[in-house]
Amino acid sequence: MAASGKIPYLTSKKIPWGDVSFAVRGKVDPEYLIGVQYFDDPDLRLLAYYQDAKDSDLHLYSSPEGLYCSSDGADVPASYIKEMLATAPYDLKADNSCGHPEAVIGLMIRWRSAKIDLFVCQQCADEVNLLHHLLSRIAAREPWDDFEIDVRYSPRCVADCGACRMKEKFAMSEGLKSAYEKGQLSDEMLLSRYIQEREAHLRRSGGELYISGEECFGRTRRPSLPA
């Protein structure tokens, strides 16, 4: 294109980052043209590789330093981990939490190949999707397959109930998990809907518990109200 000495015909395509202009050449798919013409952009560069990653079952990681490929399952490079944690939508501390690791309610994400666990409490959770930030530069059939998503919901017990029903294992529904993995829910929405699912399950499986904020008062004792 540079050697032709002619101004190329440009068009644009709407992608999640907005409208991107690119030069049209033959019948090549726009994604390949954008990926090649923006080869030095770690986000746009990846457009040229999504289909190959799916067809060949690869995991590709794009960073300012270059493109990394794993052909044997997820194996995230250290440079990608460092960049994603540094640019996360939260001010993550040294323990990869929002700074409130002991909070009773929060989002938990285990990044398997990175061997790290992330935690964001309900108070800090915002209208962003932390998982989608972490996998925003990964091309794979299912880029979220390297992550385990869970919610900590363990109100402090202030009653003597014997067997504590809040300690029973409970997994979020597949529909809720899938919606979050696909970016349809924010961190804040995920926590809110998980709590709704958990509370509905508790009511169906043996009656109500009286929970106020971060404290559980058991089956029969209601929290005292201020005078």
C-alpha atoms as a PDB file:
ATOM      1  CA  MET A   1       0.000   0.000   0.000  1.00  0.00           C
ATOM      2  CA  ALA A   2       2.827   2.381   0.821  1.00  0.00           C
ATOM      3  CA  ALA A   3       4.677   1.498  -2.385  1.00  0.00           C
ATOM      4  CA  SER A   4       1.624   2.073  -4.580  1.00  0.00           C
ATOM      5  CA  GLY A   5       1.792   5.823  -4.054  1.00  0.00           C
ATOM      6  CA  LYS A   6      -1.996   6.043  -4.006  1.00  0.00           C
ATOM      7  CA  ILE A   7      -4.370   6.962  -1.233  1.00  0.00           C
ATOM      8  CA  PRO A   8      -6.198   3.711  -0.399  1.00  0.00           C
ATOM      9  CA  TYR A   9      -9.951   3.400  -0.305  1.00  0.00           C
ATOM     10  CA  LEU A  10     -10.946   3.361   3.365  1.00  0.00           C
ATOM     11  CA  THR A  11     -14.042   2.012   5.034  1.00  0.00           C
ATOM     12  CA  SER A  12     -14.917   1.349   8.664  1.00  0.00           C
ATOM     13  CA  LYS A  13     -16.253  -1.463  10.813  1.00  0.00           C
ATOM     14  CA  LYS A  14     -17.933  -1.287  14.194  1.00  0.00           C
ATOM     15  CA  ILE A  15     -16.240  -3.441  16.812  1.00  0.00           C
ATOM     16  CA  PRO A  16     -16.519  -3.491  20.627  1.00  0.00           C
ATOM     17  CA  TRP A  17     -13.906  -0.708  20.851  1.00  0.00           C
ATOM     18  CA  GLY A  18     -15.803   1.534  18.418  1.00  0.00           C
ATOM     19  CA  ASP A  19     -15.527   2.265  14.685  1.00  0.00           C
ATOM     20  CA  VAL A  20     -12.208   1.335  13.078  1.00  0.00           C
ATOM     21  CA  SER A  21     -11.188   2.536   9.615  1.00  0.00           C
ATOM     22  CA  PHE A  22      -9.129   0.294   7.343  1.00  0.00           C
ATOM     23  CA  ALA A  23      -8.076  -0.044   3.717  1.00  0.00           C
ATOM     24  CA  VAL A  24     -10.083  -2.441   1.575  1.00  0.00           C
ATOM     25  CA  ARG A  25      -8.060  -4.996  -0.371  1.00  0.00           C
ATOM     26  CA  GLY A  26      -9.722  -7.651  -2.546  1.00  0.00           C
ATOM     27  CA  LYS A  27     -12.203  -9.968  -0.838  1.00  0.00           C
ATOM     28  CA  VAL A  28     -10.280 -10.407   2.391  1.00  0.00           C
ATOM     29  CA  ASP A  29     -12.436 -10.419   5.544  1.00  0.00           C
ATOM     30  CA  PRO A  30     -12.379  -7.092   7.421  1.00  0.00           C
ATOM     31  CA  GLU A  31     -11.092  -8.749  10.612  1.00  0.00           C
ATOM     32  CA  TYR A  32      -7.905  -9.917   8.851  1.00  0.00           C
ATOM     33  CA  LEU A  33      -7.370  -6.530   7.211  1.00  0.00           C
ATOM     34  CA  ILE A  34      -7.782  -4.678  10.495  1.00  0.00           C
ATOM     35  CA  GLY A  35      -5.529  -7.101  12.357  1.00  0.00           C
ATOM     36  CA  VAL A  36      -2.718  -6.764   9.816  1.00  0.00           C
ATOM     37  CA  GLN A  37      -3.029  -3.012   9.263  1.00  0.00           C
ATOM     38  CA  TYR A  38      -3.017  -2.404  13.030  1.00  0.00           C
ATOM     39  CA  PHE A  39      -0.307  -4.970  13.737  1.00  0.00           C
ATOM     40  CA  ASP A  40       1.210  -2.789  16.483  1.00  0.00           C
ATOM     41  CA  ASP A  41      -2.073  -2.449  18.415  1.00  0.00           C
ATOM     42  CA  PRO A  42      -2.391  -5.347  20.919  1.00  0.00           C
ATOM     43  CA  ASP A  43      -6.204  -5.183  20.852  1.00  0.00           C
ATOM     44  CA  LEU A  44      -6.854  -4.796  17.130  1.00  0.00           C
ATOM     45  CA  ARG A  45      -4.008  -7.132  16.134  1.00  0.00           C
ATOM     46  CA  LEU A  46      -5.879 -10.032  17.708  1.00  0.00           C
ATOM     47  CA  LEU A  47      -8.767  -9.715  15.234  1.00  0.00           C
ATOM     48  CA  ALA A  48      -6.638 -11.432  12.597  1.00  0.00           C
ATOM     49  CA  TYR A  49      -6.200 -14.529  14.777  1.00  0.00           C
ATOM     50  CA  TYR A  50      -9.564 -15.304  16.395  1.00  0.00           C
ATOM     51  CA  GLN A  51     -10.717 -17.756  13.747  1.00  0.00           C
ATOM     52  CA  ASP A  52      -7.371 -19.551  13.578  1.00  0.00           C
ATOM     53  CA  ALA A  53      -7.352 -19.865  17.374  1.00  0.00           C
ATOM     54  CA  LYS A  54     -10.812 -21.464  17.316  1.00  0.00           C
ATOM     55  CA  ASP A  55     -10.114 -23.738  14.346  1.00  0.00           C
ATOM     56  CA  SER A  56      -6.802 -25.019  15.705  1.00  0.00           C
ATOM     57  CA  ASP A  57      -7.749 -24.966  19.401  1.00  0.00           C
ATOM     58  CA  LEU A  58      -4.999 -22.509  20.346  1.00  0.00           C
ATOM     59  CA  HIS A  59      -4.674 -19.977  23.125  1.00  0.00           C
ATOM     60  CA  LEU A  60      -3.212 -16.714  21.823  1.00  0.00           C
ATOM     61  CA  TYR A  61      -2.208 -13.836  24.101  1.00  0.00           C
ATOM     62  CA  SER A  62      -1.648 -10.341  22.707  1.00  0.00           C
ATOM     63  CA  SER A  63       0.470  -7.774  24.534  1.00  0.00           C
ATOM     64  CA  PRO A  64       2.464  -4.677  23.554  1.00  0.00           C
ATOM     65  CA  GLU A  65       5.584  -6.877  23.362  1.00  0.00           C
ATOM     66  CA  GLY A  66       4.096  -9.309  20.879  1.00  0.00           C
ATOM     67  CA  LEU A  67       1.848 -12.310  20.360  1.00  0.00           C
ATOM     68  CA  TYR A  68       2.205 -15.503  22.389  1.00  0.00           C
ATOM     69  CA  CYS A  69       0.761 -18.874  21.420  1.00  0.00           C
ATOM     70  CA  SER A  70       0.018 -21.990  23.474  1.00  0.00           C
ATOM     71  CA  SER A  71      -1.018 -25.090  21.523  1.00  0.00           C
ATOM     72  CA  ASP A  72      -1.541 -27.289  24.589  1.00  0.00           C
ATOM     73  CA  GLY A  73      -4.246 -25.550  26.577  1.00  0.00           C
ATOM     74  CA  ALA A  74      -4.153 -22.263  28.439  1.00  0.00           C
ATOM     75  CA  ASP A  75      -0.654 -21.177  29.470  1.00  0.00           C
ATOM     76  CA  VAL A  76      -0.612 -17.443  30.067  1.00  0.00           C
ATOM     77  CA  PRO A  77       2.798 -15.681  29.810  1.00  0.00           C
ATOM     78  CA  ALA A  78       4.059 -13.658  32.760  1.00  0.00           C
ATOM     79  CA  SER A  79       4.083 -10.397  30.778  1.00  0.00           C
ATOM     80  CA  TYR A  80       0.369 -10.755  30.021  1.00  0.00           C
ATOM     81  CA  ILE A  81      -0.458 -11.412  33.674  1.00  0.00           C
ATOM     82  CA  LYS A  82       1.512  -8.374  34.784  1.00  0.00           C
ATOM     83  CA  GLU A  83      -0.152  -6.076  32.268  1.00  0.00           C
ATOM     84  CA  MET A  84      -3.711  -7.258  32.968  1.00  0.00           C
ATOM     85  CA  LEU A  85      -3.309  -6.887  36.736  1.00  0.00           C
ATOM     86  CA  ALA A  86      -1.721  -3.455  36.375  1.00  0.00           C
ATOM     87  CA  THR A  87      -4.543  -2.173  34.159  1.00  0.00           C
ATOM     88  CA  ALA A  88      -7.412  -3.878  36.034  1.00  0.00           C
ATOM     89  CA  PRO A  89     -10.523  -1.768  36.711  1.00  0.00           C
ATOM     90  CA  TYR A  90      -9.782  -2.023  40.451  1.00  0.00           C
ATOM     91  CA  ASP A  91      -6.806  -0.926  42.510  1.00  0.00           C
ATOM     92  CA  LEU A  92      -5.635  -4.431  43.249  1.00  0.00           C
ATOM     93  CA  LYS A  93      -3.286  -4.847  46.196  1.00  0.00           C
ATOM     94  CA  ALA A  94      -0.315  -7.189  46.556  1.00  0.00           C
ATOM     95  CA  ASP A  95      -2.650 -10.080  47.445  1.00  0.00           C
ATOM     96  CA  ASN A  96      -4.664  -9.434  44.256  1.00  0.00           C
ATOM     97  CA  SER A  97      -7.693  -8.282  46.234  1.00  0.00           C
ATOM     98  CA  CYS A  98      -9.493  -4.951  46.362  1.00  0.00           C
ATOM     99  CA  GLY A  99      -7.983  -4.429  49.807  1.00  0.00           C
ATOM    100  CA  HIS A 100     -10.777  -6.130  51.755  1.00  0.00           C
ATOM    101  CA  PRO A 101      -9.822  -9.833  51.578  1.00  0.00           C
ATOM    102  CA  GLU A 102     -11.817 -10.709  54.708  1.00  0.00           C
ATOM    103  CA  ALA A 103     -15.139  -9.330  53.424  1.00  0.00           C
ATOM    104  CA  VAL A 104     -18.009 -11.785  53.808  1.00  0.00           C
ATOM    105  CA  ILE A 105     -19.436 -11.091  50.336  1.00  0.00           C
ATOM    106  CA  GLY A 106     -17.374 -10.784  47.176  1.00  0.00           C
ATOM    107  CA  LEU A 107     -16.372 -12.022  43.733  1.00  0.00           C
ATOM    108  CA  MET A 108     -13.671 -14.685  43.539  1.00  0.00           C
ATOM    109  CA  ILE A 109     -11.770 -15.444  40.333  1.00  0.00           C
ATOM    110  CA  ARG A 110      -9.127 -18.167  40.149  1.00  0.00           C
ATOM    111  CA  TRP A 111      -6.763 -17.791  37.188  1.00  0.00           C
ATOM    112  CA  ARG A 112      -5.482 -21.341  36.876  1.00  0.00           C
ATOM    113  CA  SER A 113      -2.433 -21.094  34.613  1.00  0.00           C
ATOM    114  CA  ALA A 114      -1.387 -17.849  36.314  1.00  0.00           C
ATOM    115  CA  LYS A 115      -1.724 -19.547  39.720  1.00  0.00           C
ATOM    116  CA  ILE A 116      -3.362 -16.516  41.291  1.00  0.00           C
ATOM    117  CA  ASP A 117      -6.673 -15.806  43.038  1.00  0.00           C
ATOM    118  CA  LEU A 118      -8.442 -12.458  42.774  1.00  0.00           C
ATOM    119  CA  PHE A 119     -11.081 -11.093  45.134  1.00  0.00           C
ATOM    120  CA  VAL A 120     -13.342  -8.028  44.942  1.00  0.00           C
ATOM    121  CA  CYS A 121     -15.746  -7.374  47.801  1.00  0.00           C
ATOM    122  CA  GLN A 122     -19.356  -6.321  47.286  1.00  0.00           C
ATOM    123  CA  GLN A 123     -18.638  -2.805  48.488  1.00  0.00           C
ATOM    124  CA  CYS A 124     -15.935  -2.290  45.850  1.00  0.00           C
ATOM    125  CA  ALA A 125     -17.655  -4.217  43.024  1.00  0.00           C
ATOM    126  CA  ASP A 126     -18.570  -1.855  40.198  1.00  0.00           C
ATOM    127  CA  GLU A 127     -20.375  -1.788  36.843  1.00  0.00           C
ATOM    128  CA  VAL A 128     -17.419  -3.484  35.151  1.00  0.00           C
ATOM    129  CA  ASN A 129     -16.619  -7.104  34.342  1.00  0.00           C
ATOM    130  CA  LEU A 130     -13.245  -8.060  35.796  1.00  0.00           C
ATOM    131  CA  LEU A 131     -13.180 -11.401  33.998  1.00  0.00           C
ATOM    132  CA  HIS A 132     -13.626  -9.778  30.593  1.00  0.00           C
ATOM    133  CA  HIS A 133     -10.784  -7.395  31.333  1.00  0.00           C
ATOM    134  CA  LEU A 134      -8.497 -10.340  32.124  1.00  0.00           C
ATOM    135  CA  LEU A 135      -9.369 -12.193  28.917  1.00  0.00           C
ATOM    136  CA  SER A 136      -9.739  -9.125  26.679  1.00  0.00           C
ATOM    137  CA  ARG A 137      -6.574  -9.978  24.728  1.00  0.00           C
ATOM    138  CA  ILE A 138      -6.967 -13.747  24.619  1.00  0.00           C
ATOM    139  CA  ALA A 139      -8.102 -15.563  21.481  1.00  0.00           C
ATOM    140  CA  ALA A 140      -9.372 -19.111  22.050  1.00  0.00           C
ATOM    141  CA  ARG A 141     -12.443 -21.261  21.530  1.00  0.00           C
ATOM    142  CA  GLU A 142     -13.525 -20.461  25.080  1.00  0.00           C
ATOM    143  CA  PRO A 143     -11.107 -17.870  26.466  1.00  0.00           C
ATOM    144  CA  TRP A 144     -12.709 -18.141  29.920  1.00  0.00           C
ATOM    145  CA  ASP A 145     -11.735 -21.829  30.251  1.00  0.00           C
ATOM    146  CA  ASP A 146      -8.667 -20.822  32.282  1.00  0.00           C
ATOM    147  CA  PHE A 147     -10.779 -19.150  34.981  1.00  0.00           C
ATOM    148  CA  GLU A 148     -12.960 -20.359  37.864  1.00  0.00           C
ATOM    149  CA  ILE A 149     -15.729 -17.964  38.883  1.00  0.00           C
ATOM    150  CA  ASP A 150     -17.314 -18.098  42.333  1.00  0.00           C
ATOM    151  CA  VAL A 151     -18.912 -15.850  44.923  1.00  0.00           C
ATOM    152  CA  ARG A 152     -18.143 -15.738  48.619  1.00  0.00           C
ATOM    153  CA  TYR A 153     -21.348 -15.272  50.576  1.00  0.00           C
ATOM    154  CA  SER A 154     -20.796 -16.081  54.240  1.00  0.00           C
ATOM    155  CA  PRO A 155     -22.597 -13.700  56.607  1.00  0.00           C
ATOM    156  CA  ARG A 156     -21.241 -13.799  60.143  1.00  0.00           C
ATOM    157  CA  CYS A 157     -23.229 -16.131  62.382  1.00  0.00           C
ATOM    158  CA  VAL A 158     -24.586 -14.454  65.537  1.00  0.00           C
ATOM    159  CA  ALA A 159     -26.942 -17.278  66.545  1.00  0.00           C
ATOM    160  CA  ASP A 160     -26.527 -20.849  67.766  1.00  0.00           C
ATOM    161  CA  CYS A 161     -28.305 -22.893  65.087  1.00  0.00           C
ATOM    162  CA  GLY A 162     -26.363 -26.111  65.367  1.00  0.00           C
ATOM    163  CA  ALA A 163     -25.766 -27.085  61.747  1.00  0.00           C
ATOM    164  CA  CYS A 164     -25.225 -23.843  59.841  1.00  0.00           C
ATOM    165  CA  ARG A 165     -27.113 -23.801  56.541  1.00  0.00           C
ATOM    166  CA  MET A 166     -25.017 -20.893  55.282  1.00  0.00           C
ATOM    167  CA  LYS A 167     -21.997 -23.205  55.236  1.00  0.00           C
ATOM    168  CA  GLU A 168     -23.684 -25.656  52.867  1.00  0.00           C
ATOM    169  CA  LYS A 169     -22.030 -25.807  49.444  1.00  0.00           C
ATOM    170  CA  PHE A 170     -23.976 -23.876  46.827  1.00  0.00           C
ATOM    171  CA  ALA A 171     -23.002 -23.288  43.209  1.00  0.00           C
ATOM    172  CA  MET A 172     -24.381 -20.490  41.087  1.00  0.00           C
ATOM    173  CA  SER A 173     -26.640 -21.513  38.228  1.00  0.00           C
ATOM    174  CA  GLU A 174     -25.063 -22.258  34.859  1.00  0.00           C
ATOM    175  CA  GLY A 175     -27.187 -19.495  33.315  1.00  0.00           C
ATOM    176  CA  LEU A 176     -25.799 -16.899  35.719  1.00  0.00           C
ATOM    177  CA  LYS A 177     -22.224 -18.102  35.257  1.00  0.00           C
ATOM    178  CA  SER A 178     -22.549 -18.144  31.456  1.00  0.00           C
ATOM    179  CA  ALA A 179     -24.016 -14.624  31.375  1.00  0.00           C
ATOM    180  CA  TYR A 180     -21.052 -13.318  33.358  1.00  0.00           C
ATOM    181  CA  GLU A 181     -18.486 -15.179  31.250  1.00  0.00           C
ATOM    182  CA  LYS A 182     -20.002 -13.699  28.087  1.00  0.00           C
ATOM    183  CA  GLY A 183     -19.847 -10.164  29.494  1.00  0.00           C
ATOM    184  CA  GLN A 184     -23.604  -9.739  29.869  1.00  0.00           C
ATOM    185  CA  LEU A 185     -23.327  -8.974  33.601  1.00  0.00           C
ATOM    186  CA  SER A 186     -21.107  -6.642  35.582  1.00  0.00           C
ATOM    187  CA  ASP A 187     -19.342  -7.665  38.793  1.00  0.00           C
ATOM    188  CA  GLU A 188     -21.946  -5.768  40.804  1.00  0.00           C
ATOM    189  CA  MET A 189     -24.850  -7.463  39.000  1.00  0.00           C
ATOM    190  CA  LEU A 190     -23.287 -10.919  39.358  1.00  0.00           C
ATOM    191  CA  LEU A 191     -23.020 -10.539  43.138  1.00  0.00           C
ATOM    192  CA  SER A 192     -26.558  -9.221  43.444  1.00  0.00           C
ATOM    193  CA  ARG A 193     -28.083 -12.038  41.381  1.00  0.00           C
ATOM    194  CA  TYR A 194     -26.016 -14.700  43.094  1.00  0.00           C
ATOM    195  CA  ILE A 195     -27.305 -13.554  46.482  1.00  0.00           C
ATOM    196  CA  GLN A 196     -30.866 -13.686  45.121  1.00  0.00           C
ATOM    197  CA  GLU A 197     -30.277 -17.258  43.916  1.00  0.00           C
ATOM    198  CA  ARG A 198     -28.739 -18.283  47.234  1.00  0.00           C
ATOM    199  CA  GLU A 199     -31.534 -16.780  49.308  1.00  0.00           C
ATOM    200  CA  ALA A 200     -34.207 -18.398  47.100  1.00  0.00           C
ATOM    201  CA  HIS A 201     -32.457 -21.762  47.543  1.00  0.00           C
ATOM    202  CA  LEU A 202     -32.384 -21.339  51.317  1.00  0.00           C
ATOM    203  CA  ARG A 203     -36.120 -20.602  51.405  1.00  0.00           C
ATOM    204  CA  ARG A 204     -36.925 -23.637  49.255  1.00  0.00           C
ATOM    205  CA  SER A 205     -34.713 -26.007  51.220  1.00  0.00           C
ATOM    206  CA  GLY A 206     -35.950 -25.440  54.735  1.00  0.00           C
ATOM    207  CA  GLY A 207     -37.469 -22.084  55.503  1.00  0.00           C
ATOM    208  CA  GLU A 208     -36.120 -18.593  55.845  1.00  0.00           C
ATOM    209  CA  LEU A 209     -33.066 -17.329  57.630  1.00  0.00           C
ATOM    210  CA  TYR A 210     -32.950 -13.841  59.044  1.00  0.00           C
ATOM    211  CA  ILE A 211     -29.985 -12.075  57.447  1.00  0.00           C
ATOM    212  CA  SER A 212     -29.247  -8.411  57.974  1.00  0.00           C
ATOM    213  CA  GLY A 213     -26.290  -6.935  56.118  1.00  0.00           C
ATOM    214  CA  GLU A 214     -23.305  -9.102  56.924  1.00  0.00           C
ATOM    215  CA  GLU A 215     -24.864 -10.963  59.868  1.00  0.00           C
ATOM    216  CA  CYS A 216     -27.066 -14.056  59.978  1.00  0.00           C
ATOM    217  CA  PHE A 217     -29.490 -14.396  62.912  1.00  0.00           C
ATOM    218  CA  GLY A 218     -30.557 -17.964  62.169  1.00  0.00           C
ATOM    219  CA  ARG A 219     -34.055 -19.331  61.782  1.00  0.00           C
ATOM    220  CA  THR A 220     -36.046 -17.727  64.576  1.00  0.00           C
ATOM    221  CA  ARG A 221     -34.238 -14.696  65.869  1.00  0.00           C
ATOM    222  CA  ARG A 222     -34.753 -11.455  64.047  1.00  0.00           C
ATOM    223  CA  PRO A 223     -32.100  -8.711  64.199  1.00  0.00           C
ATOM    224  CA  SER A 224     -32.862  -6.101  66.812  1.00  0.00           C
ATOM    225  CA  LEU A 225     -33.972  -2.786  65.393  1.00  0.00           C
ATOM    226  CA  PRO A 226     -32.761   0.597  66.648  1.00  0.00           C
ATOM    227  CA  ALA A 227     -35.145   2.383  68.991  1.00  0.00           C
END
